[in-house]
């Protein structure tokens, strides 16, 4: 596996691949890889493409310096995972070089629906993701890029970037959320929670599944009441719900009473001071 740390060297490498007629698959990560990441690496689609993984802990998407500094890092084990999955190249740029490469004069317009859910509670988060993902696309020139459905709001924004800046020439592959045995969605942040608390955190997913069944089977459901019950049930377990919403998976619009298609439940919550997110199709 080739390891590249400079923007110029990475761009040169990718340009040489494109000139040879090779197609590139990009898997952007912030490292501390787990089985969720491996599912992206092992995805059978576009297997003939050159596989490039980026590893960059993006300071622009963190709301607090403490959260950024405490983000778990495991570069040596990450490299072993990438090699085991036959990744062709790891792009691991320095923070300083990447940030200097982003033009301060360029304006970035986020769609209005990025101001809800996580966008409402994490000011500047999505703008930070937007800037770095756009830069990675410019450097690496992928024909395919992989993103997980757990970060669903981010996924929709990535599709917007591809449409507005890359003329839909990058295929975005949305990969299913990978869960721990207890149902908790895999996340690097889970490493900051002791195992007993992880089992408690998994109750959020179990309650989402219950909520889904109620919505599917009871047309007269009152979502406000279901929302309040959900929050109360989990607060007893020491889980603080930041938001729980039932929205359209297409554009995050509020569901009307008779809507039955494209429904998704979205949740963000805190346990032991760690913020996690999840979602489920209804």
C-alpha atoms as a PDB file:
ATOM      1  CA  UNK A   1       0.000   0.000   0.000  1.00  0.00           C
ATOM      2  CA  UNK A   2       1.287   3.425  -0.973  1.00  0.00           C
ATOM      3  CA  UNK A   3       1.191   6.055   1.809  1.00  0.00           C
ATOM      4  CA  UNK A   4       1.147   9.675   0.670  1.00  0.00           C
ATOM      5  CA  UNK A   5       1.282  12.704   2.940  1.00  0.00           C
ATOM      6  CA  UNK A   6       1.453  15.695   0.572  1.00  0.00           C
ATOM      7  CA  UNK A   7      -1.306  17.175  -1.577  1.00  0.00           C
ATOM      8  CA  UNK A   8       0.948  17.505  -4.626  1.00  0.00           C
ATOM      9  CA  UNK A   9       2.139  13.907  -4.469  1.00  0.00           C
ATOM     10  CA  UNK A  10      -1.424  12.664  -4.038  1.00  0.00           C
ATOM     11  CA  UNK A  11      -2.719  14.770  -6.929  1.00  0.00           C
ATOM     12  CA  UNK A  12       0.153  13.590  -9.149  1.00  0.00           C
ATOM     13  CA  UNK A  13      -0.534   9.954  -8.250  1.00  0.00           C
ATOM     14  CA  UNK A  14      -4.255  10.282  -8.971  1.00  0.00           C
ATOM     15  CA  UNK A  15      -3.654  12.171 -12.209  1.00  0.00           C
ATOM     16  CA  UNK A  16      -1.364   9.374 -13.386  1.00  0.00           C
ATOM     17  CA  UNK A  17      -4.066   6.812 -12.621  1.00  0.00           C
ATOM     18  CA  UNK A  18      -6.694   8.784 -14.546  1.00  0.00           C
ATOM     19  CA  UNK A  19      -4.360   9.156 -17.532  1.00  0.00           C
ATOM     20  CA  UNK A  20      -3.930   5.368 -17.570  1.00  0.00           C
ATOM     21  CA  UNK A  21      -7.690   4.971 -17.728  1.00  0.00           C
ATOM     22  CA  UNK A  22      -7.976   3.775 -14.128  1.00  0.00           C
ATOM     23  CA  UNK A  23     -11.036   4.611 -12.039  1.00  0.00           C
ATOM     24  CA  UNK A  24     -10.653   5.643  -8.401  1.00  0.00           C
ATOM     25  CA  UNK A  25     -12.800   4.718  -5.421  1.00  0.00           C
ATOM     26  CA  UNK A  26     -12.425   7.030  -2.419  1.00  0.00           C
ATOM     27  CA  UNK A  27     -13.275   6.150   1.176  1.00  0.00           C
ATOM     28  CA  UNK A  28     -12.870   9.310   3.329  1.00  0.00           C
ATOM     29  CA  UNK A  29     -12.225   8.619   7.024  1.00  0.00           C
ATOM     30  CA  UNK A  30     -10.972  10.291  10.177  1.00  0.00           C
ATOM     31  CA  UNK A  31      -9.133   7.124  11.196  1.00  0.00           C
ATOM     32  CA  UNK A  32      -9.676   4.966  14.288  1.00  0.00           C
ATOM     33  CA  UNK A  33     -11.130   2.418  11.898  1.00  0.00           C
ATOM     34  CA  UNK A  34     -13.691  -0.182  12.958  1.00  0.00           C
ATOM     35  CA  UNK A  35     -15.919  -2.768  11.261  1.00  0.00           C
ATOM     36  CA  UNK A  36     -18.181  -0.015   9.982  1.00  0.00           C
ATOM     37  CA  UNK A  37     -15.263   1.411   8.012  1.00  0.00           C
ATOM     38  CA  UNK A  38     -14.257  -2.075   6.879  1.00  0.00           C
ATOM     39  CA  UNK A  39     -17.702  -2.547   5.360  1.00  0.00           C
ATOM     40  CA  UNK A  40     -16.952   0.444   3.133  1.00  0.00           C
ATOM     41  CA  UNK A  41     -13.532  -0.945   2.218  1.00  0.00           C
ATOM     42  CA  UNK A  42     -14.925  -4.378   1.417  1.00  0.00           C
ATOM     43  CA  UNK A  43     -17.935  -3.116  -0.549  1.00  0.00           C
ATOM     44  CA  UNK A  44     -18.097  -5.344  -3.655  1.00  0.00           C
ATOM     45  CA  UNK A  45     -19.173  -2.616  -6.063  1.00  0.00           C
ATOM     46  CA  UNK A  46     -16.477  -1.187  -8.311  1.00  0.00           C
ATOM     47  CA  UNK A  47     -13.927  -3.766  -7.168  1.00  0.00           C
ATOM     48  CA  UNK A  48     -11.668  -3.102 -10.157  1.00  0.00           C
ATOM     49  CA  UNK A  49     -11.180   0.523  -9.151  1.00  0.00           C
ATOM     50  CA  UNK A  50      -8.048   1.711  -7.398  1.00  0.00           C
ATOM     51  CA  UNK A  51      -8.992   2.028  -3.733  1.00  0.00           C
ATOM     52  CA  UNK A  52      -7.825   5.193  -1.974  1.00  0.00           C
ATOM     53  CA  UNK A  53      -8.540   5.920   1.691  1.00  0.00           C
ATOM     54  CA  UNK A  54      -8.059   9.376   3.154  1.00  0.00           C
ATOM     55  CA  UNK A  55      -7.288   9.740   6.846  1.00  0.00           C
ATOM     56  CA  UNK A  56      -7.749  13.262   8.138  1.00  0.00           C
ATOM     57  CA  UNK A  57      -9.159  14.331  11.492  1.00  0.00           C
ATOM     58  CA  UNK A  58     -10.958  17.456  10.342  1.00  0.00           C
ATOM     59  CA  UNK A  59     -10.687  20.250  12.935  1.00  0.00           C
ATOM     60  CA  UNK A  60     -13.262  22.337  11.057  1.00  0.00           C
ATOM     61  CA  UNK A  61     -16.129  19.990  11.896  1.00  0.00           C
ATOM     62  CA  UNK A  62     -15.629  19.931  15.676  1.00  0.00           C
ATOM     63  CA  UNK A  63     -17.580  22.302  17.889  1.00  0.00           C
ATOM     64  CA  UNK A  64     -15.081  22.211  20.739  1.00  0.00           C
ATOM     65  CA  UNK A  65     -11.302  21.966  20.873  1.00  0.00           C
ATOM     66  CA  UNK A  66     -11.572  19.360  23.654  1.00  0.00           C
ATOM     67  CA  UNK A  67     -13.714  17.115  21.445  1.00  0.00           C
ATOM     68  CA  UNK A  68     -11.193  17.493  18.622  1.00  0.00           C
ATOM     69  CA  UNK A  69      -8.193  16.771  20.822  1.00  0.00           C
ATOM     70  CA  UNK A  70      -9.831  13.730  22.396  1.00  0.00           C
ATOM     71  CA  UNK A  71     -10.816  12.156  19.078  1.00  0.00           C
ATOM     72  CA  UNK A  72      -9.280   8.645  19.196  1.00  0.00           C
ATOM     73  CA  UNK A  73      -6.271   7.945  16.984  1.00  0.00           C
ATOM     74  CA  UNK A  74      -4.875   4.512  16.059  1.00  0.00           C
ATOM     75  CA  UNK A  75      -2.748   5.001  12.963  1.00  0.00           C
ATOM     76  CA  UNK A  76      -0.714   1.774  13.241  1.00  0.00           C
ATOM     77  CA  UNK A  77      -3.765  -0.465  13.565  1.00  0.00           C
ATOM     78  CA  UNK A  78      -5.553   1.577  10.880  1.00  0.00           C
ATOM     79  CA  UNK A  79      -2.741   0.854   8.428  1.00  0.00           C
ATOM     80  CA  UNK A  80      -2.963  -2.873   9.188  1.00  0.00           C
ATOM     81  CA  UNK A  81      -6.711  -2.819   8.507  1.00  0.00           C
ATOM     82  CA  UNK A  82      -6.193  -1.005   5.195  1.00  0.00           C
ATOM     83  CA  UNK A  83      -3.494  -3.413   4.105  1.00  0.00           C
ATOM     84  CA  UNK A  84      -5.688  -6.374   5.032  1.00  0.00           C
ATOM     85  CA  UNK A  85      -8.419  -4.953   2.811  1.00  0.00           C
ATOM     86  CA  UNK A  86      -6.090  -4.438  -0.164  1.00  0.00           C
ATOM     87  CA  UNK A  87      -6.276  -0.655  -0.208  1.00  0.00           C
ATOM     88  CA  UNK A  88      -3.993   0.749  -2.901  1.00  0.00           C
ATOM     89  CA  UNK A  89      -3.210   4.104  -1.323  1.00  0.00           C
ATOM     90  CA  UNK A  90      -3.577   5.919   1.986  1.00  0.00           C
ATOM     91  CA  UNK A  91      -3.698   9.709   1.792  1.00  0.00           C
ATOM     92  CA  UNK A  92      -2.720  11.117   5.170  1.00  0.00           C
ATOM     93  CA  UNK A  93      -2.148  14.883   4.767  1.00  0.00           C
ATOM     94  CA  UNK A  94      -1.084  17.277   7.478  1.00  0.00           C
ATOM     95  CA  UNK A  95      -3.699  19.534   9.011  1.00  0.00           C
ATOM     96  CA  UNK A  96      -1.722  22.647   8.149  1.00  0.00           C
ATOM     97  CA  UNK A  97      -1.356  21.828   4.455  1.00  0.00           C
ATOM     98  CA  UNK A  98      -4.997  20.912   3.944  1.00  0.00           C
ATOM     99  CA  UNK A  99      -6.297  24.016   5.686  1.00  0.00           C
ATOM    100  CA  UNK A 100      -3.898  26.283   3.783  1.00  0.00           C
ATOM    101  CA  UNK A 101      -5.139  24.785   0.508  1.00  0.00           C
ATOM    102  CA  UNK A 102      -8.720  25.950   1.102  1.00  0.00           C
ATOM    103  CA  UNK A 103      -9.323  29.390  -0.366  1.00  0.00           C
ATOM    104  CA  UNK A 104     -10.682  31.855   2.193  1.00  0.00           C
ATOM    105  CA  UNK A 105     -12.294  33.860  -0.610  1.00  0.00           C
ATOM    106  CA  UNK A 106     -14.381  30.961  -1.894  1.00  0.00           C
ATOM    107  CA  UNK A 107     -17.989  31.023  -0.728  1.00  0.00           C
ATOM    108  CA  UNK A 108     -19.775  27.832   0.285  1.00  0.00           C
ATOM    109  CA  UNK A 109     -23.570  27.734   0.199  1.00  0.00           C
ATOM    110  CA  UNK A 110     -25.188  24.962   2.194  1.00  0.00           C
ATOM    111  CA  UNK A 111     -28.747  23.862   1.383  1.00  0.00           C
ATOM    112  CA  UNK A 112     -31.350  25.187   3.818  1.00  0.00           C
ATOM    113  CA  UNK A 113     -32.118  21.735   5.188  1.00  0.00           C
ATOM    114  CA  UNK A 114     -28.622  21.565   6.676  1.00  0.00           C
ATOM    115  CA  UNK A 115     -29.795  23.971   9.404  1.00  0.00           C
ATOM    116  CA  UNK A 116     -31.931  21.341  11.137  1.00  0.00           C
ATOM    117  CA  UNK A 117     -31.062  18.156  13.080  1.00  0.00           C
ATOM    118  CA  UNK A 118     -27.284  18.170  13.684  1.00  0.00           C
ATOM    119  CA  UNK A 119     -26.978  21.449  11.794  1.00  0.00           C
ATOM    120  CA  UNK A 120     -29.117  23.124  14.445  1.00  0.00           C
ATOM    121  CA  UNK A 121     -27.031  21.887  17.367  1.00  0.00           C
ATOM    122  CA  UNK A 122     -23.528  21.829  15.864  1.00  0.00           C
ATOM    123  CA  UNK A 123     -22.895  25.280  14.432  1.00  0.00           C
ATOM    124  CA  UNK A 124     -20.326  25.197  11.640  1.00  0.00           C
ATOM    125  CA  UNK A 125     -20.054  21.400  11.629  1.00  0.00           C
ATOM    126  CA  UNK A 126     -21.419  20.771   8.159  1.00  0.00           C
ATOM    127  CA  UNK A 127     -19.605  23.728   6.648  1.00  0.00           C
ATOM    128  CA  UNK A 128     -16.390  22.166   7.969  1.00  0.00           C
ATOM    129  CA  UNK A 129     -17.259  18.790   6.440  1.00  0.00           C
ATOM    130  CA  UNK A 130     -18.267  20.500   3.194  1.00  0.00           C
ATOM    131  CA  UNK A 131     -14.914  22.263   2.775  1.00  0.00           C
ATOM    132  CA  UNK A 132     -12.776  19.187   3.427  1.00  0.00           C
ATOM    133  CA  UNK A 133     -14.803  16.721   1.346  1.00  0.00           C
ATOM    134  CA  UNK A 134     -14.849  19.136  -1.599  1.00  0.00           C
ATOM    135  CA  UNK A 135     -11.064  19.523  -1.311  1.00  0.00           C
ATOM    136  CA  UNK A 136     -10.540  15.744  -1.160  1.00  0.00           C
ATOM    137  CA  UNK A 137     -12.658  15.308  -4.290  1.00  0.00           C
ATOM    138  CA  UNK A 138     -10.566  17.947  -6.077  1.00  0.00           C
ATOM    139  CA  UNK A 139      -7.274  16.302  -5.105  1.00  0.00           C
ATOM    140  CA  UNK A 140      -8.187  12.647  -5.624  1.00  0.00           C
ATOM    141  CA  UNK A 141     -10.626  12.890  -8.552  1.00  0.00           C
ATOM    142  CA  UNK A 142     -12.640   9.792  -7.645  1.00  0.00           C
ATOM    143  CA  UNK A 143     -15.264   8.288  -9.895  1.00  0.00           C
ATOM    144  CA  UNK A 144     -16.845   6.652  -6.836  1.00  0.00           C
ATOM    145  CA  UNK A 145     -16.922   7.634  -3.149  1.00  0.00           C
ATOM    146  CA  UNK A 146     -18.340   5.707  -0.195  1.00  0.00           C
ATOM    147  CA  UNK A 147     -20.222   7.188   2.748  1.00  0.00           C
ATOM    148  CA  UNK A 148     -22.219   5.554   5.543  1.00  0.00           C
ATOM    149  CA  UNK A 149     -25.947   6.048   6.059  1.00  0.00           C
ATOM    150  CA  UNK A 150     -25.449   6.599   9.800  1.00  0.00           C
ATOM    151  CA  UNK A 151     -24.381  10.166   8.969  1.00  0.00           C
ATOM    152  CA  UNK A 152     -27.463  10.557   6.774  1.00  0.00           C
ATOM    153  CA  UNK A 153     -27.638  14.351   6.819  1.00  0.00           C
ATOM    154  CA  UNK A 154     -23.983  14.448   5.785  1.00  0.00           C
ATOM    155  CA  UNK A 155     -24.712  11.939   3.019  1.00  0.00           C
ATOM    156  CA  UNK A 156     -27.405  14.175   1.533  1.00  0.00           C
ATOM    157  CA  UNK A 157     -24.998  17.127   1.675  1.00  0.00           C
ATOM    158  CA  UNK A 158     -22.323  15.103  -0.155  1.00  0.00           C
ATOM    159  CA  UNK A 159     -24.812  14.468  -2.958  1.00  0.00           C
ATOM    160  CA  UNK A 160     -25.371  18.224  -3.094  1.00  0.00           C
ATOM    161  CA  UNK A 161     -21.608  18.852  -3.403  1.00  0.00           C
ATOM    162  CA  UNK A 162     -21.349  16.348  -6.256  1.00  0.00           C
ATOM    163  CA  UNK A 163     -24.257  17.953  -8.100  1.00  0.00           C
ATOM    164  CA  UNK A 164     -23.212  21.580  -7.632  1.00  0.00           C
ATOM    165  CA  UNK A 165     -19.420  21.303  -8.024  1.00  0.00           C
ATOM    166  CA  UNK A 166     -18.682  18.080  -9.900  1.00  0.00           C
ATOM    167  CA  UNK A 167     -21.572  17.836 -12.398  1.00  0.00           C
ATOM    168  CA  UNK A 168     -22.715  14.534 -10.878  1.00  0.00           C
ATOM    169  CA  UNK A 169     -19.584  12.821 -12.216  1.00  0.00           C
ATOM    170  CA  UNK A 170     -18.828  11.173  -8.856  1.00  0.00           C
ATOM    171  CA  UNK A 171     -20.988   8.196  -7.924  1.00  0.00           C
ATOM    172  CA  UNK A 172     -21.867   8.292  -4.226  1.00  0.00           C
ATOM    173  CA  UNK A 173     -22.404   4.828  -2.738  1.00  0.00           C
ATOM    174  CA  UNK A 174     -24.518   4.949   0.435  1.00  0.00           C
ATOM    175  CA  UNK A 175     -23.530   2.079   2.744  1.00  0.00           C
ATOM    176  CA  UNK A 176     -25.759   0.585   5.431  1.00  0.00           C
ATOM    177  CA  UNK A 177     -25.063   1.315   9.083  1.00  0.00           C
ATOM    178  CA  UNK A 178     -23.014  -1.425  10.753  1.00  0.00           C
ATOM    179  CA  UNK A 179     -24.056  -2.195  14.325  1.00  0.00           C
ATOM    180  CA  UNK A 180     -22.514  -3.820  17.349  1.00  0.00           C
ATOM    181  CA  UNK A 181     -24.097  -7.069  18.564  1.00  0.00           C
ATOM    182  CA  UNK A 182     -26.361  -5.103  20.904  1.00  0.00           C
ATOM    183  CA  UNK A 183     -27.650  -2.859  18.091  1.00  0.00           C
ATOM    184  CA  UNK A 184     -25.578   0.258  18.856  1.00  0.00           C
ATOM    185  CA  UNK A 185     -24.417   1.913  15.629  1.00  0.00           C
ATOM    186  CA  UNK A 186     -20.646   1.575  15.275  1.00  0.00           C
ATOM    187  CA  UNK A 187     -18.738   4.808  15.783  1.00  0.00           C
ATOM    188  CA  UNK A 188     -15.223   5.792  16.771  1.00  0.00           C
ATOM    189  CA  UNK A 189     -16.853   7.721  19.617  1.00  0.00           C
ATOM    190  CA  UNK A 190     -18.072   4.437  21.119  1.00  0.00           C
ATOM    191  CA  UNK A 191     -14.484   3.859  22.287  1.00  0.00           C
ATOM    192  CA  UNK A 192     -14.969   6.678  24.791  1.00  0.00           C
ATOM    193  CA  UNK A 193     -17.829   4.828  26.505  1.00  0.00           C
ATOM    194  CA  UNK A 194     -17.301   1.956  28.947  1.00  0.00           C
ATOM    195  CA  UNK A 195     -18.861  -1.340  27.837  1.00  0.00           C
ATOM    196  CA  UNK A 196     -21.670  -1.287  30.398  1.00  0.00           C
ATOM    197  CA  UNK A 197     -22.731   2.151  29.184  1.00  0.00           C
ATOM    198  CA  UNK A 198     -22.583   0.971  25.567  1.00  0.00           C
ATOM    199  CA  UNK A 199     -25.226  -1.597  26.413  1.00  0.00           C
ATOM    200  CA  UNK A 200     -27.361   1.169  27.873  1.00  0.00           C
ATOM    201  CA  UNK A 201     -26.734   3.323  24.757  1.00  0.00           C
ATOM    202  CA  UNK A 202     -28.034   0.453  22.619  1.00  0.00           C
ATOM    203  CA  UNK A 203     -31.465   1.016  24.172  1.00  0.00           C
ATOM    204  CA  UNK A 204     -31.830   4.025  21.862  1.00  0.00           C
ATOM    205  CA  UNK A 205     -31.802   1.765  18.789  1.00  0.00           C
ATOM    206  CA  UNK A 206     -34.204  -0.683  20.430  1.00  0.00           C
ATOM    207  CA  UNK A 207     -36.603   2.180  21.185  1.00  0.00           C
ATOM    208  CA  UNK A 208     -36.272   3.411  17.583  1.00  0.00           C
ATOM    209  CA  UNK A 209     -37.309  -0.026  16.336  1.00  0.00           C
ATOM    210  CA  UNK A 210     -40.312  -0.011  18.680  1.00  0.00           C
ATOM    211  CA  UNK A 211     -41.240   3.488  17.542  1.00  0.00           C
ATOM    212  CA  UNK A 212     -40.974   2.429  13.902  1.00  0.00           C
ATOM    213  CA  UNK A 213     -43.446  -0.418  14.446  1.00  0.00           C
ATOM    214  CA  UNK A 214     -45.934   1.895  16.162  1.00  0.00           C
ATOM    215  CA  UNK A 215     -45.772   4.383  13.281  1.00  0.00           C
ATOM    216  CA  UNK A 216     -46.150   1.643  10.664  1.00  0.00           C
ATOM    217  CA  UNK A 217     -49.066  -0.110  12.325  1.00  0.00           C
ATOM    218  CA  UNK A 218     -51.012   2.774  13.886  1.00  0.00           C
ATOM    219  CA  UNK A 219     -52.145   5.439  11.414  1.00  0.00           C
ATOM    220  CA  UNK A 220     -53.561   7.546  14.237  1.00  0.00           C
ATOM    221  CA  UNK A 221     -50.265   7.927  16.073  1.00  0.00           C
ATOM    222  CA  UNK A 222     -49.464  11.252  17.719  1.00  0.00           C
ATOM    223  CA  UNK A 223     -45.750  11.841  17.133  1.00  0.00           C
ATOM    224  CA  UNK A 224     -45.448  14.503  19.826  1.00  0.00           C
ATOM    225  CA  UNK A 225     -46.696  12.018  22.401  1.00  0.00           C
ATOM    226  CA  UNK A 226     -44.409   9.285  21.062  1.00  0.00           C
ATOM    227  CA  UNK A 227     -41.516  11.734  21.146  1.00  0.00           C
ATOM    228  CA  UNK A 228     -42.158  12.659  24.784  1.00  0.00           C
ATOM    229  CA  UNK A 229     -42.476   9.009  25.807  1.00  0.00           C
ATOM    230  CA  UNK A 230     -39.221   8.143  24.003  1.00  0.00           C
ATOM    231  CA  UNK A 231     -37.343  10.943  25.775  1.00  0.00           C
ATOM    232  CA  UNK A 232     -38.784  10.022  29.189  1.00  0.00           C
ATOM    233  CA  UNK A 233     -38.041   6.291  28.832  1.00  0.00           C
ATOM    234  CA  UNK A 234     -34.406   6.883  27.912  1.00  0.00           C
ATOM    235  CA  UNK A 235     -33.814   9.681  30.413  1.00  0.00           C
ATOM    236  CA  UNK A 236     -34.511   7.134  33.171  1.00  0.00           C
ATOM    237  CA  UNK A 237     -31.492   5.201  31.826  1.00  0.00           C
ATOM    238  CA  UNK A 238     -29.261   8.285  31.952  1.00  0.00           C
ATOM    239  CA  UNK A 239     -29.536   9.070  28.239  1.00  0.00           C
ATOM    240  CA  UNK A 240     -30.149  12.671  27.240  1.00  0.00           C
ATOM    241  CA  UNK A 241     -31.969  13.022  23.924  1.00  0.00           C
ATOM    242  CA  UNK A 242     -30.858  16.089  21.967  1.00  0.00           C
ATOM    243  CA  UNK A 243     -33.426  15.590  19.230  1.00  0.00           C
ATOM    244  CA  UNK A 244     -35.802  12.947  17.897  1.00  0.00           C
ATOM    245  CA  UNK A 245     -37.510  13.749  14.598  1.00  0.00           C
ATOM    246  CA  UNK A 246     -39.651  11.980  12.001  1.00  0.00           C
ATOM    247  CA  UNK A 247     -38.846  13.520   8.611  1.00  0.00           C
ATOM    248  CA  UNK A 248     -38.791  12.826   4.907  1.00  0.00           C
ATOM    249  CA  UNK A 249     -35.613  11.013   3.838  1.00  0.00           C
ATOM    250  CA  UNK A 250     -35.644  12.980   0.576  1.00  0.00           C
ATOM    251  CA  UNK A 251     -35.485  16.562   1.805  1.00  0.00           C
ATOM    252  CA  UNK A 252     -35.938  16.471   5.620  1.00  0.00           C
ATOM    253  CA  UNK A 253     -39.390  18.034   5.312  1.00  0.00           C
ATOM    254  CA  UNK A 254     -41.868  17.508   8.144  1.00  0.00           C
ATOM    255  CA  UNK A 255     -44.073  14.456   7.635  1.00  0.00           C
ATOM    256  CA  UNK A 256     -47.734  15.087   6.944  1.00  0.00           C
ATOM    257  CA  UNK A 257     -50.341  12.898   8.604  1.00  0.00           C
ATOM    258  CA  UNK A 258     -51.057  10.719   5.558  1.00  0.00           C
ATOM    259  CA  UNK A 259     -47.449  10.337   4.412  1.00  0.00           C
ATOM    260  CA  UNK A 260     -46.306   6.725   4.410  1.00  0.00           C
ATOM    261  CA  UNK A 261     -43.311   6.763   2.054  1.00  0.00           C
ATOM    262  CA  UNK A 262     -39.688   7.847   2.588  1.00  0.00           C
ATOM    263  CA  UNK A 263     -40.036   8.256   6.346  1.00  0.00           C
ATOM    264  CA  UNK A 264     -36.994   8.275   8.624  1.00  0.00           C
ATOM    265  CA  UNK A 265     -36.489   8.657  12.344  1.00  0.00           C
ATOM    266  CA  UNK A 266     -33.443  10.701  13.327  1.00  0.00           C
ATOM    267  CA  UNK A 267     -31.951  10.897  16.810  1.00  0.00           C
ATOM    268  CA  UNK A 268     -28.979  12.474  18.567  1.00  0.00           C
ATOM    269  CA  UNK A 269     -28.238  11.730  22.202  1.00  0.00           C
ATOM    270  CA  UNK A 270     -25.661  11.979  24.970  1.00  0.00           C
ATOM    271  CA  UNK A 271     -24.433   9.229  27.245  1.00  0.00           C
ATOM    272  CA  UNK A 272     -21.495   9.638  29.641  1.00  0.00           C
ATOM    273  CA  UNK A 273     -20.850  13.009  27.998  1.00  0.00           C
ATOM    274  CA  UNK A 274     -20.406  11.456  24.530  1.00  0.00           C
ATOM    275  CA  UNK A 275     -22.676  12.548  21.691  1.00  0.00           C
ATOM    276  CA  UNK A 276     -23.953   9.854  19.309  1.00  0.00           C
ATOM    277  CA  UNK A 277     -26.382   9.827  16.391  1.00  0.00           C
ATOM    278  CA  UNK A 278     -28.521   7.206  14.728  1.00  0.00           C
ATOM    279  CA  UNK A 279     -31.391   6.875  12.272  1.00  0.00           C
ATOM    280  CA  UNK A 280     -33.774   4.239  11.002  1.00  0.00           C
ATOM    281  CA  UNK A 281     -35.996   3.957   7.943  1.00  0.00           C
ATOM    282  CA  UNK A 282     -39.689   3.565   8.763  1.00  0.00           C
END
